[in-house]
Amino acid sequence: WLNKRKIVENKLISILGCNHNKTYGRKCIIKEIDDPKIKNNFLTKHHIQGADRSKVKIGLYENNILIGIMTFSSPRMVLGGKNFEGFWELSRYATSKQIIGGASKIISYFVKKYNPKKIYSYSDNRWTDVKKNMYVSSGFKFVSSSSPGYFYTKDYLTRHHRFLFSKQNLQKKGININNKTEREVMEELGYTRIWDCGVTKYEMKFNY
């Protein structure tokens, strides 16, 4: 809310079904985006997670104006992905307005051009209804939902990923942990754990 208020407001408007700024995917033209700056600027403005490092960047244009982007990348090792040929992660989908059928249109284009064996993606359970979302309507299948994950904060304004404060990293910083748990050490340093709602994995498989 403090750092990305406009994006949060738009997401809440969409969740509440009050989004009247809409168009249809059939009215849009698909173009791949070569310049990563164009993609990153759009994602920074319209996606809660901001820019990414994707390989494939596909845009939706209405009257020559970019109104939607979907990006695809190789599987992320941090999430246990294996870099198999033909495996892709759908990294981001962002729009400047509601585009009915927009996600399905881009996915169909991607499948026809890149012949993937599998596409998978993760939704944030803080924002996404597990049973009613873009993945389900586009043909993805539910795989699993994770337990809530945690971050650390000191001022309730900045969120730090827990990987930065593993026992190994704490020891590298010269902090004496003795027999204390990670949480005990972090609390002594003035940090508090905050939790998310976990993520849900979806995938789409293909047999050619």
C-alpha atoms as a PDB file:
ATOM      1  CA  TRP A   1       0.000   0.000   0.000  1.00  0.00           C
ATOM      2  CA  LEU A   2       2.846   2.385   0.824  1.00  0.00           C
ATOM      3  CA  ASN A   3       5.150   1.521  -2.058  1.00  0.00           C
ATOM      4  CA  LYS A   4       2.787   0.436  -4.857  1.00  0.00           C
ATOM      5  CA  ARG A   5      -0.546   1.955  -3.942  1.00  0.00           C
ATOM      6  CA  LYS A   6      -1.900   2.359  -7.489  1.00  0.00           C
ATOM      7  CA  ILE A   7      -1.214  -1.297  -8.310  1.00  0.00           C
ATOM      8  CA  VAL A   8      -2.840  -2.421  -5.058  1.00  0.00           C
ATOM      9  CA  GLU A   9      -5.892  -0.240  -5.692  1.00  0.00           C
ATOM     10  CA  ASN A  10      -6.304  -1.706  -9.189  1.00  0.00           C
ATOM     11  CA  LYS A  11      -5.975  -5.264  -7.875  1.00  0.00           C
ATOM     12  CA  LEU A  12      -8.614  -4.620  -5.207  1.00  0.00           C
ATOM     13  CA  ILE A  13     -10.936  -3.083  -7.797  1.00  0.00           C
ATOM     14  CA  SER A  14     -10.536  -6.200  -9.945  1.00  0.00           C
ATOM     15  CA  ILE A  15     -11.061  -8.600  -7.004  1.00  0.00           C
ATOM     16  CA  LEU A  16     -14.254  -6.758  -6.043  1.00  0.00           C
ATOM     17  CA  GLY A  17     -15.553  -6.956  -9.621  1.00  0.00           C
ATOM     18  CA  CYS A  18     -15.663  -3.176  -9.991  1.00  0.00           C
ATOM     19  CA  ASN A  19     -13.329  -2.880 -12.980  1.00  0.00           C
ATOM     20  CA  HIS A  20     -15.156  -1.004 -15.748  1.00  0.00           C
ATOM     21  CA  ASN A  21     -12.004  -0.238 -17.751  1.00  0.00           C
ATOM     22  CA  LYS A  22     -11.978  -3.336 -19.916  1.00  0.00           C
ATOM     23  CA  THR A  23     -11.514  -4.601 -23.440  1.00  0.00           C
ATOM     24  CA  TYR A  24     -11.359  -7.976 -25.226  1.00  0.00           C
ATOM     25  CA  GLY A  25      -8.404 -10.054 -26.315  1.00  0.00           C
ATOM     26  CA  ARG A  26      -9.896 -10.485 -29.778  1.00  0.00           C
ATOM     27  CA  LYS A  27      -9.519  -6.743 -30.316  1.00  0.00           C
ATOM     28  CA  CYS A  28      -5.810  -6.855 -29.495  1.00  0.00           C
ATOM     29  CA  ILE A  29      -2.770  -7.592 -31.643  1.00  0.00           C
ATOM     30  CA  ILE A  30       0.066  -9.771 -30.358  1.00  0.00           C
ATOM     31  CA  LYS A  31       3.650  -8.601 -30.759  1.00  0.00           C
ATOM     32  CA  GLU A  32       6.806  -9.933 -29.164  1.00  0.00           C
ATOM     33  CA  ILE A  33       8.845  -7.309 -27.346  1.00  0.00           C
ATOM     34  CA  ASP A  34      12.577  -7.167 -28.071  1.00  0.00           C
ATOM     35  CA  ASP A  35      13.531  -4.279 -25.809  1.00  0.00           C
ATOM     36  CA  PRO A  36      13.669  -5.421 -22.140  1.00  0.00           C
ATOM     37  CA  LYS A  37      13.350  -1.795 -21.010  1.00  0.00           C
ATOM     38  CA  ILE A  38       9.848  -1.575 -22.496  1.00  0.00           C
ATOM     39  CA  LYS A  39       8.871  -4.791 -20.749  1.00  0.00           C
ATOM     40  CA  ASN A  40      10.415  -3.840 -17.405  1.00  0.00           C
ATOM     41  CA  ASN A  41       8.920  -0.345 -17.404  1.00  0.00           C
ATOM     42  CA  PHE A  42       5.465  -1.811 -18.025  1.00  0.00           C
ATOM     43  CA  LEU A  43       5.863  -4.480 -15.325  1.00  0.00           C
ATOM     44  CA  THR A  44       7.158  -1.965 -12.808  1.00  0.00           C
ATOM     45  CA  LYS A  45       4.086   0.159 -13.402  1.00  0.00           C
ATOM     46  CA  HIS A  46       1.465  -2.605 -13.496  1.00  0.00           C
ATOM     47  CA  HIS A  47       2.733  -5.753 -11.702  1.00  0.00           C
ATOM     48  CA  ILE A  48       3.009  -6.092  -7.917  1.00  0.00           C
ATOM     49  CA  GLN A  49       6.349  -7.967  -8.272  1.00  0.00           C
ATOM     50  CA  GLY A  50       7.795  -5.539 -10.788  1.00  0.00           C
ATOM     51  CA  ALA A  51      10.385  -6.347 -13.465  1.00  0.00           C
ATOM     52  CA  ASP A  52      11.790  -9.795 -14.232  1.00  0.00           C
ATOM     53  CA  ARG A  53      14.535 -11.513 -16.255  1.00  0.00           C
ATOM     54  CA  SER A  54      12.409 -13.327 -18.785  1.00  0.00           C
ATOM     55  CA  LYS A  55      13.477 -14.796 -22.118  1.00  0.00           C
ATOM     56  CA  VAL A  56      10.202 -14.403 -23.987  1.00  0.00           C
ATOM     57  CA  LYS A  57       8.184 -11.188 -23.746  1.00  0.00           C
ATOM     58  CA  ILE A  58       4.796 -11.081 -25.457  1.00  0.00           C
ATOM     59  CA  GLY A  59       2.715  -7.938 -25.626  1.00  0.00           C
ATOM     60  CA  LEU A  60      -0.946  -7.215 -26.315  1.00  0.00           C
ATOM     61  CA  TYR A  61      -1.576  -4.012 -28.252  1.00  0.00           C
ATOM     62  CA  GLU A  62      -4.820  -2.139 -28.712  1.00  0.00           C
ATOM     63  CA  ASN A  63      -4.698   0.645 -31.318  1.00  0.00           C
ATOM     64  CA  ASN A  64      -0.879   0.342 -31.249  1.00  0.00           C
ATOM     65  CA  ILE A  65      -0.820   0.953 -27.479  1.00  0.00           C
ATOM     66  CA  LEU A  66       0.738  -1.678 -25.199  1.00  0.00           C
ATOM     67  CA  ILE A  67      -1.905  -2.744 -22.678  1.00  0.00           C
ATOM     68  CA  GLY A  68      -0.718  -6.189 -21.580  1.00  0.00           C
ATOM     69  CA  ILE A  69       2.433  -8.283 -21.210  1.00  0.00           C
ATOM     70  CA  MET A  70       3.085 -11.936 -20.418  1.00  0.00           C
ATOM     71  CA  THR A  71       6.633 -13.186 -19.888  1.00  0.00           C
ATOM     72  CA  PHE A  72       8.169 -16.655 -19.903  1.00  0.00           C
ATOM     73  CA  SER A  73      11.507 -17.838 -18.532  1.00  0.00           C
ATOM     74  CA  SER A  74      13.528 -20.959 -17.833  1.00  0.00           C
ATOM     75  CA  PRO A  75      12.580 -22.747 -14.590  1.00  0.00           C
ATOM     76  CA  ARG A  76      13.925 -21.064 -11.459  1.00  0.00           C
ATOM     77  CA  MET A  77      16.342 -23.189  -9.466  1.00  0.00           C
ATOM     78  CA  VAL A  78      15.369 -21.421  -6.225  1.00  0.00           C
ATOM     79  CA  LEU A  79      11.902 -22.934  -6.583  1.00  0.00           C
ATOM     80  CA  GLY A  80      13.192 -26.386  -7.416  1.00  0.00           C
ATOM     81  CA  GLY A  81      12.713 -26.055 -11.159  1.00  0.00           C
ATOM     82  CA  LYS A  82      14.797 -28.253 -13.442  1.00  0.00           C
ATOM     83  CA  ASN A  83      16.080 -26.633 -16.605  1.00  0.00           C
ATOM     84  CA  PHE A  84      14.693 -29.264 -18.962  1.00  0.00           C
ATOM     85  CA  GLU A  85      14.355 -28.445 -22.629  1.00  0.00           C
ATOM     86  CA  GLY A  86      10.779 -27.475 -23.387  1.00  0.00           C
ATOM     87  CA  PHE A  87       9.941 -26.547 -19.796  1.00  0.00           C
ATOM     88  CA  TRP A  88       8.880 -22.943 -19.250  1.00  0.00           C
ATOM     89  CA  GLU A  89       7.761 -20.839 -16.338  1.00  0.00           C
ATOM     90  CA  LEU A  90       5.090 -18.216 -16.882  1.00  0.00           C
ATOM     91  CA  SER A  91       6.759 -15.436 -14.899  1.00  0.00           C
ATOM     92  CA  ARG A  92       4.511 -12.388 -15.189  1.00  0.00           C
ATOM     93  CA  TYR A  93       1.170 -11.322 -16.579  1.00  0.00           C
ATOM     94  CA  ALA A  94       0.278  -7.667 -16.255  1.00  0.00           C
ATOM     95  CA  THR A  95      -2.249  -5.385 -17.899  1.00  0.00           C
ATOM     96  CA  SER A  96      -3.118  -1.710 -17.805  1.00  0.00           C
ATOM     97  CA  LYS A  97      -6.824  -2.584 -18.026  1.00  0.00           C
ATOM     98  CA  GLN A  98      -8.910  -5.735 -17.807  1.00  0.00           C
ATOM     99  CA  ILE A  99      -8.452  -7.756 -20.995  1.00  0.00           C
ATOM    100  CA  ILE A 100     -11.086 -10.462 -21.252  1.00  0.00           C
ATOM    101  CA  GLY A 101      -9.499 -13.460 -22.964  1.00  0.00           C
ATOM    102  CA  GLY A 102      -6.126 -11.726 -23.094  1.00  0.00           C
ATOM    103  CA  ALA A 103      -4.152 -14.326 -21.142  1.00  0.00           C
ATOM    104  CA  SER A 104      -5.576 -17.213 -23.176  1.00  0.00           C
ATOM    105  CA  LYS A 105      -4.717 -15.432 -26.410  1.00  0.00           C
ATOM    106  CA  ILE A 106      -1.074 -14.979 -25.433  1.00  0.00           C
ATOM    107  CA  ILE A 107      -0.754 -18.557 -24.149  1.00  0.00           C
ATOM    108  CA  SER A 108      -2.187 -19.925 -27.416  1.00  0.00           C
ATOM    109  CA  TYR A 109       0.352 -17.875 -29.361  1.00  0.00           C
ATOM    110  CA  PHE A 110       3.211 -19.054 -27.142  1.00  0.00           C
ATOM    111  CA  VAL A 111       2.222 -22.716 -27.473  1.00  0.00           C
ATOM    112  CA  LYS A 112       2.001 -22.536 -31.269  1.00  0.00           C
ATOM    113  CA  LYS A 113       5.354 -20.794 -31.670  1.00  0.00           C
ATOM    114  CA  TYR A 114       7.509 -22.370 -28.951  1.00  0.00           C
ATOM    115  CA  ASN A 115       6.046 -25.906 -28.684  1.00  0.00           C
ATOM    116  CA  PRO A 116       6.536 -26.251 -24.905  1.00  0.00           C
ATOM    117  CA  LYS A 117       6.413 -29.609 -23.155  1.00  0.00           C
ATOM    118  CA  LYS A 118       5.250 -27.974 -19.950  1.00  0.00           C
ATOM    119  CA  ILE A 119       4.346 -24.504 -18.736  1.00  0.00           C
ATOM    120  CA  TYR A 120       4.031 -23.899 -15.032  1.00  0.00           C
ATOM    121  CA  SER A 121       3.492 -20.887 -12.820  1.00  0.00           C
ATOM    122  CA  TYR A 122       2.902 -19.815  -9.233  1.00  0.00           C
ATOM    123  CA  SER A 123       0.126 -17.619  -7.893  1.00  0.00           C
ATOM    124  CA  ASP A 124       0.322 -15.625  -4.676  1.00  0.00           C
ATOM    125  CA  ASN A 125      -2.443 -16.801  -2.339  1.00  0.00           C
ATOM    126  CA  ARG A 126      -2.636 -13.333  -0.794  1.00  0.00           C
ATOM    127  CA  TRP A 127      -4.122 -12.091  -4.044  1.00  0.00           C
ATOM    128  CA  THR A 128      -5.426 -15.050  -6.014  1.00  0.00           C
ATOM    129  CA  ASP A 129      -8.481 -17.246  -5.545  1.00  0.00           C
ATOM    130  CA  VAL A 130      -7.181 -20.808  -5.960  1.00  0.00           C
ATOM    131  CA  LYS A 131     -10.322 -21.983  -7.801  1.00  0.00           C
ATOM    132  CA  LYS A 132     -11.124 -18.904  -9.869  1.00  0.00           C
ATOM    133  CA  ASN A 133      -8.247 -17.188 -11.629  1.00  0.00           C
ATOM    134  CA  MET A 134      -6.423 -16.619 -14.900  1.00  0.00           C
ATOM    135  CA  TYR A 135      -4.674 -19.996 -14.743  1.00  0.00           C
ATOM    136  CA  VAL A 136      -7.855 -22.013 -14.364  1.00  0.00           C
ATOM    137  CA  SER A 137      -9.664 -20.118 -17.134  1.00  0.00           C
ATOM    138  CA  SER A 138      -6.653 -20.569 -19.453  1.00  0.00           C
ATOM    139  CA  GLY A 139      -6.500 -24.358 -19.044  1.00  0.00           C
ATOM    140  CA  PHE A 140      -3.857 -24.816 -16.353  1.00  0.00           C
ATOM    141  CA  LYS A 141      -4.272 -27.603 -13.813  1.00  0.00           C
ATOM    142  CA  PHE A 142      -3.857 -27.224 -10.057  1.00  0.00           C
ATOM    143  CA  VAL A 143      -0.721 -28.964  -8.747  1.00  0.00           C
ATOM    144  CA  SER A 144      -0.265 -27.971  -5.097  1.00  0.00           C
ATOM    145  CA  SER A 145      -0.407 -25.166  -2.551  1.00  0.00           C
ATOM    146  CA  SER A 146       2.442 -24.431  -0.178  1.00  0.00           C
ATOM    147  CA  SER A 147       2.286 -23.571   3.489  1.00  0.00           C
ATOM    148  CA  PRO A 148       2.635 -19.891   4.429  1.00  0.00           C
ATOM    149  CA  GLY A 149       6.165 -18.548   4.120  1.00  0.00           C
ATOM    150  CA  TYR A 150       7.757 -15.876   6.239  1.00  0.00           C
ATOM    151  CA  PHE A 151       9.874 -12.769   5.874  1.00  0.00           C
ATOM    152  CA  TYR A 152      11.570 -10.494   8.384  1.00  0.00           C
ATOM    153  CA  THR A 153      10.966  -6.830   9.097  1.00  0.00           C
ATOM    154  CA  LYS A 154      12.410  -4.322  11.498  1.00  0.00           C
ATOM    155  CA  ASP A 155      10.257  -1.290  10.790  1.00  0.00           C
ATOM    156  CA  TYR A 156       7.122  -2.874   9.199  1.00  0.00           C
ATOM    157  CA  LEU A 157       7.925  -0.894   6.058  1.00  0.00           C
ATOM    158  CA  THR A 158      10.703  -3.005   4.526  1.00  0.00           C
ATOM    159  CA  ARG A 159      10.397  -6.763   4.023  1.00  0.00           C
ATOM    160  CA  HIS A 160      13.518  -8.992   3.936  1.00  0.00           C
ATOM    161  CA  HIS A 161      13.589 -12.519   2.513  1.00  0.00           C
ATOM    162  CA  ARG A 162      14.358 -15.211   5.061  1.00  0.00           C
ATOM    163  CA  PHE A 163      17.125 -16.692   2.876  1.00  0.00           C
ATOM    164  CA  LEU A 164      19.265 -13.685   3.760  1.00  0.00           C
ATOM    165  CA  PHE A 165      19.175 -14.680   7.419  1.00  0.00           C
ATOM    166  CA  SER A 166      19.890 -18.391   7.387  1.00  0.00           C
ATOM    167  CA  LYS A 167      22.214 -19.601  10.132  1.00  0.00           C
ATOM    168  CA  GLN A 168      25.018 -19.882   7.582  1.00  0.00           C
ATOM    169  CA  ASN A 169      24.573 -16.282   6.424  1.00  0.00           C
ATOM    170  CA  LEU A 170      24.285 -15.031  10.005  1.00  0.00           C
ATOM    171  CA  GLN A 171      27.581 -16.723  10.875  1.00  0.00           C
ATOM    172  CA  LYS A 172      29.232 -15.166   7.800  1.00  0.00           C
ATOM    173  CA  LYS A 173      28.223 -11.780   9.186  1.00  0.00           C
ATOM    174  CA  GLY A 174      30.072 -12.593  12.411  1.00  0.00           C
ATOM    175  CA  ILE A 175      26.952 -13.095  14.519  1.00  0.00           C
ATOM    176  CA  ASN A 176      27.405 -15.657  17.297  1.00  0.00           C
ATOM    177  CA  ILE A 177      24.357 -17.911  17.163  1.00  0.00           C
ATOM    178  CA  ASN A 178      25.483 -20.593  19.681  1.00  0.00           C
ATOM    179  CA  ASN A 179      22.551 -22.980  20.167  1.00  0.00           C
ATOM    180  CA  LYS A 180      19.912 -20.400  19.336  1.00  0.00           C
ATOM    181  CA  THR A 181      17.381 -20.795  16.564  1.00  0.00           C
ATOM    182  CA  GLU A 182      17.310 -18.456  13.596  1.00  0.00           C
ATOM    183  CA  ARG A 183      14.151 -16.863  14.975  1.00  0.00           C
ATOM    184  CA  GLU A 184      15.693 -16.269  18.410  1.00  0.00           C
ATOM    185  CA  VAL A 185      18.748 -14.623  16.869  1.00  0.00           C
ATOM    186  CA  MET A 186      16.639 -12.411  14.608  1.00  0.00           C
ATOM    187  CA  GLU A 187      14.405 -11.304  17.469  1.00  0.00           C
ATOM    188  CA  GLU A 188      17.480 -10.339  19.475  1.00  0.00           C
ATOM    189  CA  LEU A 189      18.580  -8.253  16.470  1.00  0.00           C
ATOM    190  CA  GLY A 190      15.230  -6.461  16.517  1.00  0.00           C
ATOM    191  CA  TYR A 191      13.502  -8.273  13.635  1.00  0.00           C
ATOM    192  CA  THR A 192       9.988  -9.731  13.595  1.00  0.00           C
ATOM    193  CA  ARG A 193       8.627 -12.490  11.384  1.00  0.00           C
ATOM    194  CA  ILE A 194       5.720 -11.658   9.101  1.00  0.00           C
ATOM    195  CA  TRP A 195       3.866 -14.246   7.070  1.00  0.00           C
ATOM    196  CA  ASP A 196       2.313 -14.573   3.641  1.00  0.00           C
ATOM    197  CA  CYS A 197      -0.401 -17.054   2.599  1.00  0.00           C
ATOM    198  CA  GLY A 198       1.764 -19.403   0.555  1.00  0.00           C
ATOM    199  CA  VAL A 199       1.725 -19.941  -3.200  1.00  0.00           C
ATOM    200  CA  THR A 200      -0.163 -22.264  -5.512  1.00  0.00           C
ATOM    201  CA  LYS A 201       1.459 -24.058  -8.432  1.00  0.00           C
ATOM    202  CA  TYR A 202      -0.330 -24.635 -11.735  1.00  0.00           C
ATOM    203  CA  GLU A 203       0.894 -26.388 -14.841  1.00  0.00           C
ATOM    204  CA  MET A 204      -0.062 -27.146 -18.414  1.00  0.00           C
ATOM    205  CA  LYS A 205       1.387 -30.232 -20.138  1.00  0.00           C
ATOM    206  CA  PHE A 206       1.544 -31.007 -23.836  1.00  0.00           C
ATOM    207  CA  ASN A 207       1.841 -34.259 -25.812  1.00  0.00           C
ATOM    208  CA  TYR A 208       2.826 -33.730 -29.423  1.00  0.00           C
END
